[in-house]
PDB file of N, CA and C in Angstrom:
ATOM      1  N   MET A   1      52.162   7.894  18.170  1.00  0.00           N
ATOM      2  CA  MET A   1      50.847   8.198  18.626  1.00  0.00           C
ATOM      3  C   MET A   1      49.802   8.041  17.538  1.00  0.00           C
ATOM      4  N   SER A   2      50.120   8.371  16.323  1.00  0.00           N
ATOM      5  CA  SER A   2      49.172   8.229  15.236  1.00  0.00           C
ATOM      6  C   SER A   2      48.841   6.763  14.985  1.00  0.00           C
ATOM      7  N   GLU A   3      49.805   5.859  15.292  1.00  0.00           N
ATOM      8  CA  GLU A   3      49.527   4.425  15.131  1.00  0.00           C
ATOM      9  C   GLU A   3      48.474   3.966  16.126  1.00  0.00           C
ATOM     10  N   ARG A   4      48.544   4.470  17.374  1.00  0.00           N
ATOM     11  CA  ARG A   4      47.540   4.137  18.384  1.00  0.00           C
ATOM     12  C   ARG A   4      46.164   4.640  17.962  1.00  0.00           C
ATOM     13  N   LYS A   5      46.145   5.858  17.458  1.00  0.00           N
ATOM     14  CA  LYS A   5      44.891   6.457  17.021  1.00  0.00           C
ATOM     15  C   LYS A   5      44.291   5.647  15.872  1.00  0.00           C
ATOM     16  N   SER A   6      45.136   5.193  14.958  1.00  0.00           N
ATOM     17  CA  SER A   6      44.675   4.395  13.827  1.00  0.00           C
ATOM     18  C   SER A   6      44.095   3.066  14.293  1.00  0.00           C
ATOM     19  N   VAL A   7      44.750   2.406  15.237  1.00  0.00           N
ATOM     20  CA  VAL A   7      44.252   1.132  15.772  1.00  0.00           C
ATOM     21  C   VAL A   7      42.923   1.352  16.493  1.00  0.00           C
ATOM     22  N   ALA A   8      42.861   2.392  17.314  1.00  0.00           N
ATOM     23  CA  ALA A   8      41.620   2.692  18.043  1.00  0.00           C
ATOM     24  C   ALA A   8      40.484   2.995  17.065  1.00  0.00           C
ATOM     25  N   HIS A   9      40.802   3.713  16.001  1.00  0.00           N
ATOM     26  CA  HIS A   9      39.795   4.052  14.987  1.00  0.00           C
ATOM     27  C   HIS A   9      39.276   2.791  14.295  1.00  0.00           C
ATOM     28  N   LYS A  10      40.171   1.868  13.958  1.00  0.00           N
ATOM     29  CA  LYS A  10      39.768   0.618  13.302  1.00  0.00           C
ATOM     30  C   LYS A  10      38.919  -0.243  14.224  1.00  0.00           C
ATOM     31  N   ILE A  11      39.264  -0.272  15.500  1.00  0.00           N
ATOM     32  CA  ILE A  11      38.469  -1.044  16.468  1.00  0.00           C
ATOM     33  C   ILE A  11      37.070  -0.438  16.583  1.00  0.00           C
ATOM     34  N   ALA A  12      37.000   0.874  16.629  1.00  0.00           N
ATOM     35  CA  ALA A  12      35.692   1.543  16.710  1.00  0.00           C
ATOM     36  C   ALA A  12      34.852   1.257  15.468  1.00  0.00           C
ATOM     37  N   GLN A  13      35.488   1.311  14.291  1.00  0.00           N
ATOM     38  CA  GLN A  13      34.759   1.001  13.051  1.00  0.00           C
ATOM     39  C   GLN A  13      34.253  -0.434  13.059  1.00  0.00           C
ATOM     40  N   ALA A  14      35.083  -1.366  13.496  1.00  0.00           N
ATOM     41  CA  ALA A  14      34.685  -2.774  13.548  1.00  0.00           C
ATOM     42  C   ALA A  14      33.501  -2.952  14.499  1.00  0.00           C
ATOM     43  N   GLY A  15      33.527  -2.241  15.616  1.00  0.00           N
ATOM     44  CA  GLY A  15      32.421  -2.320  16.572  1.00  0.00           C
ATOM     45  C   GLY A  15      31.114  -1.832  15.972  1.00  0.00           C
ATOM     46  N   VAL A  16      31.182  -0.751  15.214  1.00  0.00           N
ATOM     47  CA  VAL A  16      29.984  -0.220  14.558  1.00  0.00           C
ATOM     48  C   VAL A  16      29.455  -1.222  13.540  1.00  0.00           C
ATOM     49  N   VAL A  17      30.342  -1.807  12.747  1.00  0.00           N
ATOM     50  CA  VAL A  17      29.927  -2.783  11.744  1.00  0.00           C
ATOM     51  C   VAL A  17      29.269  -3.983  12.407  1.00  0.00           C
ATOM     52  N   VAL A  18      29.862  -4.484  13.490  1.00  0.00           N
ATOM     53  CA  VAL A  18      29.288  -5.634  14.206  1.00  0.00           C
ATOM     54  C   VAL A  18      27.923  -5.267  14.787  1.00  0.00           C
ATOM     55  N   ALA A  19      27.814  -4.078  15.362  1.00  0.00           N
ATOM     56  CA  ALA A  19      26.533  -3.653  15.935  1.00  0.00           C
ATOM     57  C   ALA A  19      25.451  -3.551  14.866  1.00  0.00           C
ATOM     58  N   LEU A  20      25.787  -2.972  13.727  1.00  0.00           N
ATOM     59  CA  LEU A  20      24.813  -2.852  12.639  1.00  0.00           C
ATOM     60  C   LEU A  20      24.427  -4.219  12.091  1.00  0.00           C
ATOM     61  N   ALA A  21      25.394  -5.092  11.940  1.00  0.00           N
ATOM     62  CA  ALA A  21      25.098  -6.443  11.449  1.00  0.00           C
ATOM     63  C   ALA A  21      24.198  -7.179  12.433  1.00  0.00           C
ATOM     64  N   GLY A  22      24.470  -7.007  13.724  1.00  0.00           N
ATOM     65  CA  GLY A  22      23.634  -7.653  14.738  1.00  0.00           C
ATOM     66  C   GLY A  22      22.213  -7.129  14.698  1.00  0.00           C
ATOM     67  N   ALA A  23      22.070  -5.820  14.561  1.00  0.00           N
ATOM     68  CA  ALA A  23      20.738  -5.222  14.484  1.00  0.00           C
ATOM     69  C   ALA A  23      19.999  -5.712  13.247  1.00  0.00           C
ATOM     70  N   ALA A  24      20.690  -5.783  12.124  1.00  0.00           N
ATOM     71  CA  ALA A  24      20.054  -6.269  10.898  1.00  0.00           C
ATOM     72  C   ALA A  24      19.661  -7.728  11.052  1.00  0.00           C
ATOM     73  N   GLY A  25      20.491  -8.505  11.726  1.00  0.00           N
ATOM     74  CA  GLY A  25      20.183  -9.916  11.934  1.00  0.00           C
ATOM     75  C   GLY A  25      18.920 -10.106  12.741  1.00  0.00           C
ATOM     76  N   VAL A  26      18.717  -9.262  13.736  1.00  0.00           N
ATOM     77  CA  VAL A  26      17.514  -9.351  14.554  1.00  0.00           C
ATOM     78  C   VAL A  26      16.290  -9.080  13.702  1.00  0.00           C
ATOM     79  N   VAL A  27      16.382  -8.096  12.832  1.00  0.00           N
ATOM     80  CA  VAL A  27      15.258  -7.761  11.962  1.00  0.00           C
ATOM     81  C   VAL A  27      15.003  -8.882  10.967  1.00  0.00           C
ATOM     82  N   LEU A  28      16.054  -9.426  10.397  1.00  0.00           N
ATOM     83  CA  LEU A  28      15.900 -10.444   9.373  1.00  0.00           C
ATOM     84  C   LEU A  28      15.392 -11.761   9.919  1.00  0.00           C
ATOM     85  N   VAL A  29      15.752 -12.100  11.145  1.00  0.00           N
ATOM     86  CA  VAL A  29      15.339 -13.384  11.682  1.00  0.00           C
ATOM     87  C   VAL A  29      14.180 -13.256  12.664  1.00  0.00           C
ATOM     88  N   GLY A  30      13.594 -12.068  12.772  1.00  0.00           N
ATOM     89  CA  GLY A  30      12.470 -11.870  13.673  1.00  0.00           C
ATOM     90  C   GLY A  30      11.264 -12.687  13.238  1.00  0.00           C
ATOM     91  N   PRO A  31      10.327 -12.919  14.155  1.00  0.00           N
ATOM     92  CA  PRO A  31       9.167 -13.748  13.831  1.00  0.00           C
ATOM     93  C   PRO A  31       8.237 -13.076  12.819  1.00  0.00           C
ATOM     94  N   ALA A  32       7.598 -13.881  11.993  1.00  0.00           N
ATOM     95  CA  ALA A  32       6.610 -13.369  11.046  1.00  0.00           C
ATOM     96  C   ALA A  32       5.375 -12.955  11.825  1.00  0.00           C
ATOM     97  N   SER A  33       4.619 -12.005  11.290  1.00  0.00           N
ATOM     98  CA  SER A  33       3.413 -11.594  11.990  1.00  0.00           C
ATOM     99  C   SER A  33       2.415 -12.744  12.013  1.00  0.00           C
ATOM    100  N   ALA A  34       1.819 -12.941  13.155  1.00  0.00           N
ATOM    101  CA  ALA A  34       0.903 -14.049  13.336  1.00  0.00           C
ATOM    102  C   ALA A  34      -0.442 -13.765  12.678  1.00  0.00           C
ATOM    103  N   ALA A  35      -1.086 -14.815  12.249  1.00  0.00           N
ATOM    104  CA  ALA A  35      -2.406 -14.693  11.646  1.00  0.00           C
ATOM    105  C   ALA A  35      -3.460 -14.603  12.738  1.00  0.00           C
ATOM    106  N   SER A  36      -4.534 -13.906  12.429  1.00  0.00           N
ATOM    107  CA  SER A  36      -5.711 -13.856  13.302  1.00  0.00           C
ATOM    108  C   SER A  36      -6.865 -14.448  12.516  1.00  0.00           C
ATOM    109  N   THR A  37      -7.836 -14.972  13.215  1.00  0.00           N
ATOM    110  CA  THR A  37      -8.998 -15.553  12.543  1.00  0.00           C
ATOM    111  C   THR A  37     -10.273 -14.900  13.047  1.00  0.00           C
ATOM    112  N   GLY A  38     -11.230 -14.817  12.141  1.00  0.00           N
ATOM    113  CA  GLY A  38     -12.546 -14.314  12.497  1.00  0.00           C
ATOM    114  C   GLY A  38     -13.424 -15.450  13.005  1.00  0.00           C
ATOM    115  N   ASN A  39     -14.718 -15.194  13.083  1.00  0.00           N
ATOM    116  CA  ASN A  39     -15.663 -16.212  13.543  1.00  0.00           C
ATOM    117  C   ASN A  39     -15.685 -17.406  12.586  1.00  0.00           C
ATOM    118  N   LYS A  40     -16.022 -18.563  13.116  1.00  0.00           N
ATOM    119  CA  LYS A  40     -16.092 -19.778  12.303  1.00  0.00           C
ATOM    120  C   LYS A  40     -17.553 -20.149  12.089  1.00  0.00           C
ATOM    121  N   VAL A  41     -17.922 -20.406  10.810  1.00  0.00           N
ATOM    122  CA  VAL A  41     -19.284 -20.791  10.453  1.00  0.00           C
ATOM    123  C   VAL A  41     -19.206 -22.089   9.651  1.00  0.00           C
ATOM    124  N   HIS A  42     -19.694 -23.187  10.216  1.00  0.00           N
ATOM    125  CA  HIS A  42     -19.674 -24.494   9.544  1.00  0.00           C
ATOM    126  C   HIS A  42     -18.265 -24.842   9.045  1.00  0.00           C
ATOM    127  N   ASN A  43     -17.250 -24.601   9.895  1.00  0.00           N
ATOM    128  CA  ASN A  43     -15.824 -24.872   9.638  1.00  0.00           C
ATOM    129  C   ASN A  43     -15.156 -23.830   8.748  1.00  0.00           C
ATOM    130  N   CYS A  44     -15.853 -22.820   8.267  1.00  0.00           N
ATOM    131  CA  CYS A  44     -15.257 -21.810   7.387  1.00  0.00           C
ATOM    132  C   CYS A  44     -15.120 -20.486   8.142  1.00  0.00           C
ATOM    133  N   TYR A  45     -14.082 -19.729   7.781  1.00  0.00           N
ATOM    134  CA  TYR A  45     -13.751 -18.516   8.520  1.00  0.00           C
ATOM    135  C   TYR A  45     -12.837 -17.628   7.683  1.00  0.00           C
ATOM    136  N   GLY A  46     -12.661 -16.402   8.138  1.00  0.00           N
ATOM    137  CA  GLY A  46     -11.695 -15.497   7.529  1.00  0.00           C
ATOM    138  C   GLY A  46     -10.405 -15.539   8.331  1.00  0.00           C
ATOM    139  N   ILE A  47      -9.288 -15.561   7.650  1.00  0.00           N
ATOM    140  CA  ILE A  47      -7.975 -15.508   8.297  1.00  0.00           C
ATOM    141  C   ILE A  47      -7.269 -14.281   7.739  1.00  0.00           C
ATOM    142  N   TYR A  48      -6.624 -13.496   8.624  1.00  0.00           N
ATOM    143  CA  TYR A  48      -6.033 -12.246   8.158  1.00  0.00           C
ATOM    144  C   TYR A  48      -4.720 -11.943   8.864  1.00  0.00           C
ATOM    145  N   PHE A  49      -3.897 -11.190   8.140  1.00  0.00           N
ATOM    146  CA  PHE A  49      -2.617 -10.737   8.653  1.00  0.00           C
ATOM    147  C   PHE A  49      -2.707  -9.218   8.776  1.00  0.00           C
ATOM    148  N   THR A  50      -1.756  -8.468   8.289  1.00  0.00           N
ATOM    149  CA  THR A  50      -1.797  -7.015   8.403  1.00  0.00           C
ATOM    150  C   THR A  50      -2.821  -6.411   7.439  1.00  0.00           C
ATOM    151  N   ARG A  51      -2.679  -6.693   6.134  1.00  0.00           N
ATOM    152  CA  ARG A  51      -3.603  -6.155   5.127  1.00  0.00           C
ATOM    153  C   ARG A  51      -4.186  -7.247   4.247  1.00  0.00           C
ATOM    154  N   ASP A  52      -3.635  -8.439   4.299  1.00  0.00           N
ATOM    155  CA  ASP A  52      -4.023  -9.562   3.454  1.00  0.00           C
ATOM    156  C   ASP A  52      -4.987 -10.473   4.218  1.00  0.00           C
ATOM    157  N   TRP A  53      -5.960 -11.040   3.500  1.00  0.00           N
ATOM    158  CA  TRP A  53      -6.894 -11.953   4.146  1.00  0.00           C
ATOM    159  C   TRP A  53      -7.400 -12.984   3.147  1.00  0.00           C
ATOM    160  N   ASN A  54      -7.873 -14.101   3.681  1.00  0.00           N
ATOM    161  CA  ASN A  54      -8.424 -15.204   2.883  1.00  0.00           C
ATOM    162  C   ASN A  54      -9.693 -15.713   3.537  1.00  0.00           C
ATOM    163  N   GLN A  55     -10.481 -16.435   2.741  1.00  0.00           N
ATOM    164  CA  GLN A  55     -11.591 -17.215   3.287  1.00  0.00           C
ATOM    165  C   GLN A  55     -11.143 -18.668   3.218  1.00  0.00           C
ATOM    166  N   ASP A  56     -11.062 -19.329   4.358  1.00  0.00           N
ATOM    167  CA  ASP A  56     -10.598 -20.717   4.461  1.00  0.00           C
ATOM    168  C   ASP A  56     -11.651 -21.573   5.145  1.00  0.00           C
ATOM    169  N   CYS A  57     -11.518 -22.886   4.991  1.00  0.00           N
ATOM    170  CA  CYS A  57     -12.333 -23.849   5.727  1.00  0.00           C
ATOM    171  C   CYS A  57     -11.401 -24.891   6.325  1.00  0.00           C
ATOM    172  N   ALA A  58     -11.565 -25.140   7.602  1.00  0.00           N
ATOM    173  CA  ALA A  58     -10.736 -26.117   8.306  1.00  0.00           C
ATOM    174  C   ALA A  58     -11.162 -27.534   7.933  1.00  0.00           C
ATOM    175  N   SER A  59     -10.257 -28.459   8.105  1.00  0.00           N
ATOM    176  CA  SER A  59     -10.545 -29.870   7.851  1.00  0.00           C
ATOM    177  C   SER A  59     -11.675 -30.318   8.766  1.00  0.00           C
ATOM    178  N   PRO A  60     -12.637 -31.029   8.321  1.00  0.00           N
ATOM    179  CA  PRO A  60     -12.790 -31.743   7.060  1.00  0.00           C
ATOM    180  C   PRO A  60     -13.467 -30.924   5.962  1.00  0.00           C
ATOM    181  N   GLY A  61     -13.439 -29.600   6.055  1.00  0.00           N
ATOM    182  CA  GLY A  61     -14.014 -28.745   5.016  1.00  0.00           C
ATOM    183  C   GLY A  61     -15.361 -28.173   5.419  1.00  0.00           C
ATOM    184  N   ALA A  62     -15.982 -27.469   4.481  1.00  0.00           N
ATOM    185  CA  ALA A  62     -17.285 -26.852   4.733  1.00  0.00           C
ATOM    186  C   ALA A  62     -18.284 -27.926   5.176  1.00  0.00           C
ATOM    187  N   ALA A  63     -18.982 -27.642   6.259  1.00  0.00           N
ATOM    188  CA  ALA A  63     -19.927 -28.627   6.798  1.00  0.00           C
ATOM    189  C   ALA A  63     -21.209 -28.695   5.984  1.00  0.00           C
ATOM    190  N   TYR A  64     -21.548 -27.608   5.297  1.00  0.00           N
ATOM    191  CA  TYR A  64     -22.770 -27.558   4.507  1.00  0.00           C
ATOM    192  C   TYR A  64     -22.488 -26.927   3.151  1.00  0.00           C
ATOM    193  N   GLU A  65     -23.234 -27.348   2.159  1.00  0.00           N
ATOM    194  CA  GLU A  65     -23.142 -26.740   0.833  1.00  0.00           C
ATOM    195  C   GLU A  65     -23.931 -25.441   0.835  1.00  0.00           C
ATOM    196  N   GLY A  66     -23.342 -24.398   0.243  1.00  0.00           N
ATOM    197  CA  GLY A  66     -24.046 -23.124   0.158  1.00  0.00           C
ATOM    198  C   GLY A  66     -23.083 -21.967   0.020  1.00  0.00           C
ATOM    199  N   TYR A  67     -23.616 -20.759   0.193  1.00  0.00           N
ATOM    200  CA  TYR A  67     -22.830 -19.543   0.048  1.00  0.00           C
ATOM    201  C   TYR A  67     -22.213 -19.125   1.386  1.00  0.00           C
ATOM    202  N   TYR A  68     -20.931 -18.815   1.354  1.00  0.00           N
ATOM    203  CA  TYR A  68     -20.195 -18.313   2.502  1.00  0.00           C
ATOM    204  C   TYR A  68     -19.680 -16.924   2.124  1.00  0.00           C
ATOM    205  N   LYS A  69     -20.082 -15.914   2.884  1.00  0.00           N
ATOM    206  CA  LYS A  69     -19.634 -14.546   2.616  1.00  0.00           C
ATOM    207  C   LYS A  69     -18.744 -14.093   3.761  1.00  0.00           C
ATOM    208  N   SER A  70     -17.536 -13.644   3.409  1.00  0.00           N
ATOM    209  CA  SER A  70     -16.597 -13.101   4.392  1.00  0.00           C
ATOM    210  C   SER A  70     -16.377 -11.628   4.081  1.00  0.00           C
ATOM    211  N   THR A  71     -16.383 -10.806   5.137  1.00  0.00           N
ATOM    212  CA  THR A  71     -16.175  -9.370   4.990  1.00  0.00           C
ATOM    213  C   THR A  71     -15.035  -8.939   5.891  1.00  0.00           C
ATOM    214  N   ALA A  72     -14.005  -8.327   5.273  1.00  0.00           N
ATOM    215  CA  ALA A  72     -12.876  -7.786   6.025  1.00  0.00           C
ATOM    216  C   ALA A  72     -13.217  -6.366   6.463  1.00  0.00           C
ATOM    217  N   ASP A  73     -13.143  -6.116   7.755  1.00  0.00           N
ATOM    218  CA  ASP A  73     -13.364  -4.777   8.310  1.00  0.00           C
ATOM    219  C   ASP A  73     -12.043  -4.019   8.185  1.00  0.00           C
ATOM    220  N   CYS A  74     -11.918  -3.255   7.098  1.00  0.00           N
ATOM    221  CA  CYS A  74     -10.679  -2.528   6.806  1.00  0.00           C
ATOM    222  C   CYS A  74     -10.534  -1.306   7.714  1.00  0.00           C
ATOM    223  N   THR A  75      -9.293  -1.004   8.072  1.00  0.00           N
ATOM    224  CA  THR A  75      -8.979   0.151   8.902  1.00  0.00           C
ATOM    225  C   THR A  75      -9.280   1.445   8.148  1.00  0.00           C
ATOM    226  N   ALA A  76      -9.863   2.414   8.856  1.00  0.00           N
ATOM    227  CA  ALA A  76     -10.136   3.730   8.269  1.00  0.00           C
ATOM    228  C   ALA A  76      -8.825   4.364   7.830  1.00  0.00           C
ATOM    229  N   PRO A  77      -8.836   5.177   6.815  1.00  0.00           N
ATOM    230  CA  PRO A  77      -9.966   5.810   6.157  1.00  0.00           C
ATOM    231  C   PRO A  77     -10.520   5.026   4.974  1.00  0.00           C
ATOM    232  N   GLN A  78     -10.176   3.742   4.857  1.00  0.00           N
ATOM    233  CA  GLN A  78     -10.645   2.974   3.698  1.00  0.00           C
ATOM    234  C   GLN A  78     -12.135   2.690   3.787  1.00  0.00           C
ATOM    235  N   ILE A  79     -12.841   3.062   2.743  1.00  0.00           N
ATOM    236  CA  ILE A  79     -14.271   2.783   2.607  1.00  0.00           C
ATOM    237  C   ILE A  79     -14.483   2.355   1.167  1.00  0.00           C
ATOM    238  N   PRO A  80     -15.206   1.351   0.847  1.00  0.00           N
ATOM    239  CA  PRO A  80     -15.885   0.422   1.750  1.00  0.00           C
ATOM    240  C   PRO A  80     -14.951  -0.715   2.173  1.00  0.00           C
ATOM    241  N   ASP A  81     -15.467  -1.573   3.062  1.00  0.00           N
ATOM    242  CA  ASP A  81     -14.740  -2.764   3.462  1.00  0.00           C
ATOM    243  C   ASP A  81     -14.663  -3.719   2.274  1.00  0.00           C
ATOM    244  N   LYS A  82     -13.806  -4.727   2.375  1.00  0.00           N
ATOM    245  CA  LYS A  82     -13.658  -5.718   1.303  1.00  0.00           C
ATOM    246  C   LYS A  82     -14.446  -6.970   1.661  1.00  0.00           C
ATOM    247  N   SER A  83     -15.115  -7.563   0.660  1.00  0.00           N
ATOM    248  CA  SER A  83     -15.865  -8.793   0.934  1.00  0.00           C
ATOM    249  C   SER A  83     -15.818  -9.720  -0.272  1.00  0.00           C
ATOM    250  N   MET A  84     -16.119 -10.988  -0.012  1.00  0.00           N
ATOM    251  CA  MET A  84     -16.236 -11.971  -1.088  1.00  0.00           C
ATOM    252  C   MET A  84     -17.257 -13.018  -0.669  1.00  0.00           C
ATOM    253  N   THR A  85     -17.962 -13.533  -1.674  1.00  0.00           N
ATOM    254  CA  THR A  85     -18.926 -14.605  -1.460  1.00  0.00           C
ATOM    255  C   THR A  85     -18.510 -15.767  -2.332  1.00  0.00           C
ATOM    256  N   LYS A  86     -18.404 -16.950  -1.714  1.00  0.00           N
ATOM    257  CA  LYS A  86     -18.016 -18.160  -2.439  1.00  0.00           C
ATOM    258  C   LYS A  86     -19.047 -19.251  -2.188  1.00  0.00           C
ATOM    259  N   TYR A  87     -19.430 -19.920  -3.274  1.00  0.00           N
ATOM    260  CA  TYR A  87     -20.299 -21.088  -3.143  1.00  0.00           C
ATOM    261  C   TYR A  87     -19.388 -22.271  -2.864  1.00  0.00           C
ATOM    262  N   ARG A  88     -19.681 -22.992  -1.788  1.00  0.00           N
ATOM    263  CA  ARG A  88     -18.857 -24.140  -1.410  1.00  0.00           C
ATOM    264  C   ARG A  88     -19.703 -25.400  -1.336  1.00  0.00           C
ATOM    265  N   PHE A  89     -19.117 -26.480  -1.837  1.00  0.00           N
ATOM    266  CA  PHE A  89     -19.721 -27.801  -1.671  1.00  0.00           C
ATOM    267  C   PHE A  89     -19.296 -28.351  -0.317  1.00  0.00           C
ATOM    268  N   LYS A  90     -20.066 -29.271   0.214  1.00  0.00           N
ATOM    269  CA  LYS A  90     -19.712 -29.903   1.485  1.00  0.00           C
ATOM    270  C   LYS A  90     -18.322 -30.524   1.347  1.00  0.00           C
ATOM    271  N   GLY A  91     -17.454 -30.258   2.315  1.00  0.00           N
ATOM    272  CA  GLY A  91     -16.096 -30.806   2.314  1.00  0.00           C
ATOM    273  C   GLY A  91     -15.063 -29.925   1.631  1.00  0.00           C
ATOM    274  N   ASP A  92     -15.479 -28.802   1.028  1.00  0.00           N
ATOM    275  CA  ASP A  92     -14.554 -27.903   0.326  1.00  0.00           C
ATOM    276  C   ASP A  92     -13.575 -27.266   1.322  1.00  0.00           C
ATOM    277  N   THR A  93     -12.267 -27.344   1.026  1.00  0.00           N
ATOM    278  CA  THR A  93     -11.239 -26.718   1.865  1.00  0.00           C
ATOM    279  C   THR A  93     -10.414 -25.688   1.083  1.00  0.00           C
ATOM    280  N   THR A  94     -10.888 -25.269  -0.076  1.00  0.00           N
ATOM    281  CA  THR A  94     -10.157 -24.313  -0.907  1.00  0.00           C
ATOM    282  C   THR A  94      -9.966 -22.994  -0.168  1.00  0.00           C
ATOM    283  N   SER A  95      -8.754 -22.429  -0.263  1.00  0.00           N
ATOM    284  CA  SER A  95      -8.468 -21.122   0.306  1.00  0.00           C
ATOM    285  C   SER A  95      -8.668 -20.078  -0.791  1.00  0.00           C
ATOM    286  N   HIS A  96      -9.537 -19.100  -0.532  1.00  0.00           N
ATOM    287  CA  HIS A  96      -9.811 -18.031  -1.498  1.00  0.00           C
ATOM    288  C   HIS A  96      -9.214 -16.730  -0.978  1.00  0.00           C
ATOM    289  N   ASP A  97      -8.397 -16.077  -1.810  1.00  0.00           N
ATOM    290  CA  ASP A  97      -7.717 -14.841  -1.439  1.00  0.00           C
ATOM    291  C   ASP A  97      -8.650 -13.646  -1.594  1.00  0.00           C
ATOM    292  N   GLY A  98      -8.803 -12.872  -0.532  1.00  0.00           N
ATOM    293  CA  GLY A  98      -9.616 -11.662  -0.585  1.00  0.00           C
ATOM    294  C   GLY A  98      -8.801 -10.473  -1.055  1.00  0.00           C
ATOM    295  N   SER A  99      -9.475  -9.438  -1.510  1.00  0.00           N
ATOM    296  CA  SER A  99      -8.796  -8.204  -1.920  1.00  0.00           C
ATOM    297  C   SER A  99      -8.194  -7.530  -0.695  1.00  0.00           C
ATOM    298  N   ASP A 100      -6.923  -7.161  -0.798  1.00  0.00           N
ATOM    299  CA  ASP A 100      -6.218  -6.564   0.338  1.00  0.00           C
ATOM    300  C   ASP A 100      -6.852  -5.255   0.790  1.00  0.00           C
ATOM    301  N   CYS A 101      -6.785  -5.008   2.083  1.00  0.00           N
ATOM    302  CA  CYS A 101      -7.143  -3.707   2.636  1.00  0.00           C
ATOM    303  C   CYS A 101      -5.910  -2.822   2.531  1.00  0.00           C
ATOM    304  N   GLN A 102      -6.112  -1.544   2.285  1.00  0.00           N
ATOM    305  CA  GLN A 102      -4.992  -0.642   2.044  1.00  0.00           C
ATOM    306  C   GLN A 102      -4.203  -0.334   3.311  1.00  0.00           C
ATOM    307  N   TYR A 103      -4.863  -0.180   4.461  1.00  0.00           N
ATOM    308  CA  TYR A 103      -4.186   0.268   5.676  1.00  0.00           C
ATOM    309  C   TYR A 103      -4.068  -0.805   6.743  1.00  0.00           C
ATOM    310  N   GLY A 104      -4.999  -1.709   6.828  1.00  0.00           N
ATOM    311  CA  GLY A 104      -4.987  -2.744   7.850  1.00  0.00           C
ATOM    312  C   GLY A 104      -6.357  -3.376   7.964  1.00  0.00           C
ATOM    313  N   ILE A 105      -6.461  -4.388   8.829  1.00  0.00           N
ATOM    314  CA  ILE A 105      -7.716  -5.116   9.024  1.00  0.00           C
ATOM    315  C   ILE A 105      -8.002  -5.230  10.521  1.00  0.00           C
ATOM    316  N   HIS A 106      -9.241  -4.910  10.905  1.00  0.00           N
ATOM    317  CA  HIS A 106      -9.666  -5.084  12.295  1.00  0.00           C
ATOM    318  C   HIS A 106     -10.108  -6.520  12.546  1.00  0.00           C
ATOM    319  N   SER A 107     -10.881  -7.074  11.618  1.00  0.00           N
ATOM    320  CA  SER A 107     -11.402  -8.430  11.773  1.00  0.00           C
ATOM    321  C   SER A 107     -12.010  -8.876  10.442  1.00  0.00           C
ATOM    322  N   VAL A 108     -12.362 -10.168  10.362  1.00  0.00           N
ATOM    323  CA  VAL A 108     -13.062 -10.699   9.194  1.00  0.00           C
ATOM    324  C   VAL A 108     -14.263 -11.480   9.719  1.00  0.00           C
ATOM    325  N   ASN A 109     -15.454 -11.108   9.256  1.00  0.00           N
ATOM    326  CA  ASN A 109     -16.695 -11.763   9.681  1.00  0.00           C
ATOM    327  C   ASN A 109     -17.230 -12.630   8.547  1.00  0.00           C
ATOM    328  N   THR A 110     -17.632 -13.857   8.865  1.00  0.00           N
ATOM    329  CA  THR A 110     -18.150 -14.792   7.858  1.00  0.00           C
ATOM    330  C   THR A 110     -19.579 -15.174   8.211  1.00  0.00           C
ATOM    331  N   VAL A 111     -20.442 -15.212   7.172  1.00  0.00           N
ATOM    332  CA  VAL A 111     -21.829 -15.649   7.338  1.00  0.00           C
ATOM    333  C   VAL A 111     -22.135 -16.718   6.283  1.00  0.00           C
ATOM    334  N   PHE A 112     -23.193 -17.489   6.505  1.00  0.00           N
ATOM    335  CA  PHE A 112     -23.608 -18.567   5.616  1.00  0.00           C
ATOM    336  C   PHE A 112     -25.074 -18.386   5.269  1.00  0.00           C
ATOM    337  N   TRP A 113     -25.429 -18.683   4.008  1.00  0.00           N
ATOM    338  CA  TRP A 113     -26.846 -18.754   3.622  1.00  0.00           C
ATOM    339  C   TRP A 113     -27.039 -19.715   2.501  1.00  0.00           C
TER     340      TRP A 113
END
C-alpha cells in the first residue's frame, strides 16, 4: 500500500510542477503592453506605455521647423506632469525620451510654436 501512495504522491507532484510551469509560460510569453499615442502635430506626437514616454515624429519627419513641446499627463499623486521641448528641423525623425512618470500616464499632448 505504501508503494501505491508513493506513486500517487509523485504523480500529484508532477502535476503541480507542470501546472506551475504552464502558468509561468503564459506570463513569460504574454503580449507586451501596447503603446498609445497622443495628438499629432505636423507629424510629431507623444508615444507612451505604462510610465515611459517619448516624443517622436512619423515619416517623413517634422513637417515644419520649430519647437515641439510634449507634456505627459502623469497619474496622481504625481505633481507636476513631465514635459520636454525640442527644436526640430524639417524632416527630423529623432525619438527623444521623456522623463518617466512614477505611477502611470493618462496621455501625452504635443504643441508646436
